Protein backbone atom coordinates (compact mmCIF):
# COMPACT_ATOMS: atom_id res chain seq x y z
CA MET A 1 122.43 112.54 105.86
CA SER A 2 122.08 116.49 106.48
CA GLU A 3 119.95 116.02 109.30
CA VAL A 4 122.10 112.99 110.92
CA ALA A 5 124.96 114.98 110.26
CA ARG A 6 123.03 118.58 111.99
CA VAL A 7 122.10 115.94 115.19
CA ALA A 8 125.81 114.84 115.51
CA GLY A 9 127.41 118.40 115.03
CA MET A 10 129.19 116.96 112.28
CA SER A 11 129.58 117.55 108.36
CA VAL A 12 128.56 115.10 106.06
CA GLY A 13 131.78 114.17 105.01
CA GLN A 14 133.01 114.00 108.63
CA ILE A 15 129.98 110.92 109.60
CA TYR A 16 131.60 109.39 106.48
CA ARG A 17 135.21 109.06 108.05
CA TYR A 18 133.52 106.60 110.70
CA PHE A 19 130.84 104.65 108.57
CA PRO A 20 131.64 103.78 104.87
CA SER A 21 127.99 104.17 104.06
CA LYS A 22 124.47 104.97 105.32
CA ASP A 23 124.14 101.23 105.45
CA ALA A 24 126.69 101.28 108.15
CA ILE A 25 124.07 103.83 110.19
CA VAL A 26 121.86 102.43 109.58
CA LEU A 27 123.36 98.95 111.01
CA ALA A 28 124.71 100.98 113.82
CA ILE A 29 121.59 102.11 114.92
CA VAL A 30 119.86 98.62 114.50
CA ASN A 31 122.40 97.16 116.58
CA ASP A 32 122.32 99.70 119.58
CA ILE A 33 118.55 99.34 119.51
CA VAL A 34 118.86 95.42 119.65
CA GLU A 35 121.78 95.91 122.21
CA ARG A 36 119.49 97.95 124.39
CA ARG A 37 115.94 95.68 124.28
CA ILE A 38 118.18 92.66 125.09
CA ALA A 39 119.52 94.35 127.75
CA ARG A 40 115.99 95.14 129.14
CA MET A 41 114.74 91.91 128.55
CA ALA A 42 117.69 90.66 130.78
CA SER A 43 116.87 92.91 133.27
CA HIS A 44 112.99 92.17 133.50
CA PRO A 45 112.31 89.13 136.12
CA ASP A 46 109.86 87.71 133.85
CA SER A 47 108.09 88.62 130.61
CA PRO A 48 107.63 92.23 129.64
CA ALA A 49 104.43 91.58 128.05
CA THR A 50 102.30 91.73 131.21
CA PRO A 51 98.67 92.40 130.43
CA GLU A 52 98.64 95.45 132.45
CA ARG A 53 101.19 96.79 130.17
CA LEU A 54 99.78 95.84 127.36
CA SER A 55 95.95 96.84 127.63
CA SER A 56 97.61 100.25 128.82
CA ARG A 57 99.41 100.16 125.84
CA ALA A 58 102.44 101.55 128.07
CA VAL A 59 104.92 98.53 126.31
CA GLU A 60 108.12 100.49 126.42
CA TRP A 61 107.15 103.81 125.79
CA ASP A 62 109.20 106.58 127.11
CA ALA A 63 111.37 109.17 125.56
CA ARG A 64 113.68 106.47 124.66
CA HIS A 65 111.85 103.94 123.35
CA ARG A 66 109.64 105.97 121.17
CA GLU A 67 112.51 107.22 119.48
CA ASP A 68 113.60 103.50 119.09
CA ALA A 69 110.21 102.17 117.71
CA ILE A 70 109.96 104.96 115.61
CA LEU A 71 113.55 104.51 113.99
CA MET A 72 112.54 100.90 113.98
CA PHE A 73 109.63 101.19 112.07
CA GLU A 74 111.52 103.66 109.92
CA ILE A 75 114.12 101.00 108.92
CA SER A 76 111.47 98.43 108.83
CA ALA A 77 109.80 100.13 105.96
CA GLU A 78 113.22 100.75 103.93
CA ALA A 79 113.98 96.88 104.47
CA THR A 80 110.41 96.16 101.97
CA ARG A 81 112.83 98.42 99.09
CA ASN A 82 116.50 97.61 100.09
CA PRO A 83 117.23 93.78 100.74
CA GLU A 84 120.76 94.80 102.58
CA ILE A 85 118.60 96.66 105.07
CA ALA A 86 116.33 93.87 104.98
CA GLN A 87 119.29 91.67 106.08
CA MET A 88 120.25 93.94 108.91
CA VAL A 89 116.49 93.70 110.57
CA ARG A 90 116.31 90.01 109.85
CA GLN A 91 120.14 89.41 112.01
CA ALA A 92 118.83 91.70 114.24
CA ASP A 93 115.51 90.51 115.15
CA GLN A 94 117.00 87.05 115.48
CA ARG A 95 119.56 88.05 118.11
CA SER A 96 116.34 89.78 119.85
CA GLN A 97 114.61 86.39 119.51
CA LEU A 98 117.05 83.93 120.52
CA GLU A 99 117.76 86.02 124.02
CA ALA A 100 113.77 85.66 124.65
CA ARG A 101 114.04 81.87 124.05
CA ARG A 102 116.74 81.72 126.10
CA LYS A 103 115.23 83.44 128.91
CA MET A 104 111.77 81.33 128.05
CA MET A 105 113.69 78.59 128.39
CA ARG A 106 114.92 79.63 131.86
CA ARG A 107 111.78 79.96 132.63
CA PHE A 108 109.92 77.19 131.32
CA PRO A 109 113.00 74.77 131.30
CA ASP A 110 110.32 71.92 130.43
CA LEU A 111 109.54 73.18 126.89
CA THR A 112 111.24 72.75 123.98
CA GLU A 113 113.45 74.84 121.83
CA ALA A 114 110.25 75.10 119.13
CA GLN A 115 107.88 75.59 121.93
CA ALA A 116 110.18 78.37 123.27
CA ALA A 117 110.46 79.80 119.53
CA ALA A 118 106.26 79.74 119.00
CA ARG A 119 105.65 81.08 122.51
CA CYS A 120 108.63 84.26 122.05
CA GLU A 121 107.23 84.90 118.63
CA ALA A 122 103.58 85.26 119.64
CA ILE A 123 104.39 87.41 122.47
CA ALA A 124 106.75 89.43 119.88
CA VAL A 125 103.81 89.97 118.04
CA LEU A 126 102.06 91.17 121.12
CA ILE A 127 104.39 93.71 121.72
CA GLU A 128 105.43 94.92 118.71
CA GLY A 129 101.51 95.28 117.65
CA THR A 130 100.76 97.10 121.00
CA VAL A 131 103.63 99.47 120.30
CA ALA A 132 102.31 100.54 116.33
CA ARG A 133 98.68 100.42 117.88
CA ARG A 134 100.22 103.17 120.67
CA MET A 135 99.80 105.70 118.34
CA THR A 136 96.59 105.60 118.38
CA GLN A 137 93.35 106.14 120.39
CA LEU A 138 92.28 102.47 122.32
CA GLN A 139 88.94 101.35 120.59
CA ALA A 140 88.29 99.19 123.44
CA PRO A 141 87.19 99.80 126.98
CA ARG A 142 90.75 98.91 128.98
CA GLU A 143 89.21 96.13 131.47
CA GLU A 144 88.26 94.17 128.41
CA MET A 145 91.48 94.39 126.76
CA LEU A 146 93.01 93.40 130.12
CA ALA A 147 91.17 90.74 130.91
CA LEU A 148 91.83 89.54 126.74
CA TYR A 149 95.38 89.83 127.36
CA GLU A 150 95.47 87.97 130.71
CA LYS A 151 94.23 85.18 128.63
CA VAL A 152 96.34 85.07 126.20
CA ILE A 153 99.15 85.55 127.63
CA ALA A 154 97.87 82.55 130.57
CA ALA A 155 97.52 80.36 126.65
CA ILE A 156 100.83 81.30 125.65
CA ASN A 157 102.66 80.16 128.44
CA GLY A 158 101.06 77.05 128.87
CA ALA A 159 98.44 77.59 131.94
């Protein structure tokens, strides 16, 4: 809390005038990150999981996205110990996945809700795994990863 207060330029007591608890602060952070992710999703005409971005590990990795990813990793770790935080993370994921399914259904109107959900889940795993692996060096040749991601994305999209 002292770090949050320092960054905000406030005292710890002042922060608690705006937020009743630490969990409320975490909820505000999670909601802010989810809102930005949903806005980015809506602004992309196609899926952000392009093979090129995945194979170069360039998925959402400017300074703000990096900060969001790190915060979400920390919040997810806390969720393993704190049931209230776990519930917040589940609800945030449900919101993101709902928007992703809506987008998938607009792009592929013949899909059932279950098919769209499965495709979105697979894409989320690719993106989140890529973000997690972003902190490590790519172990396979980029060209091989690109070819593999092209096949995986085509399979997910039913091509």
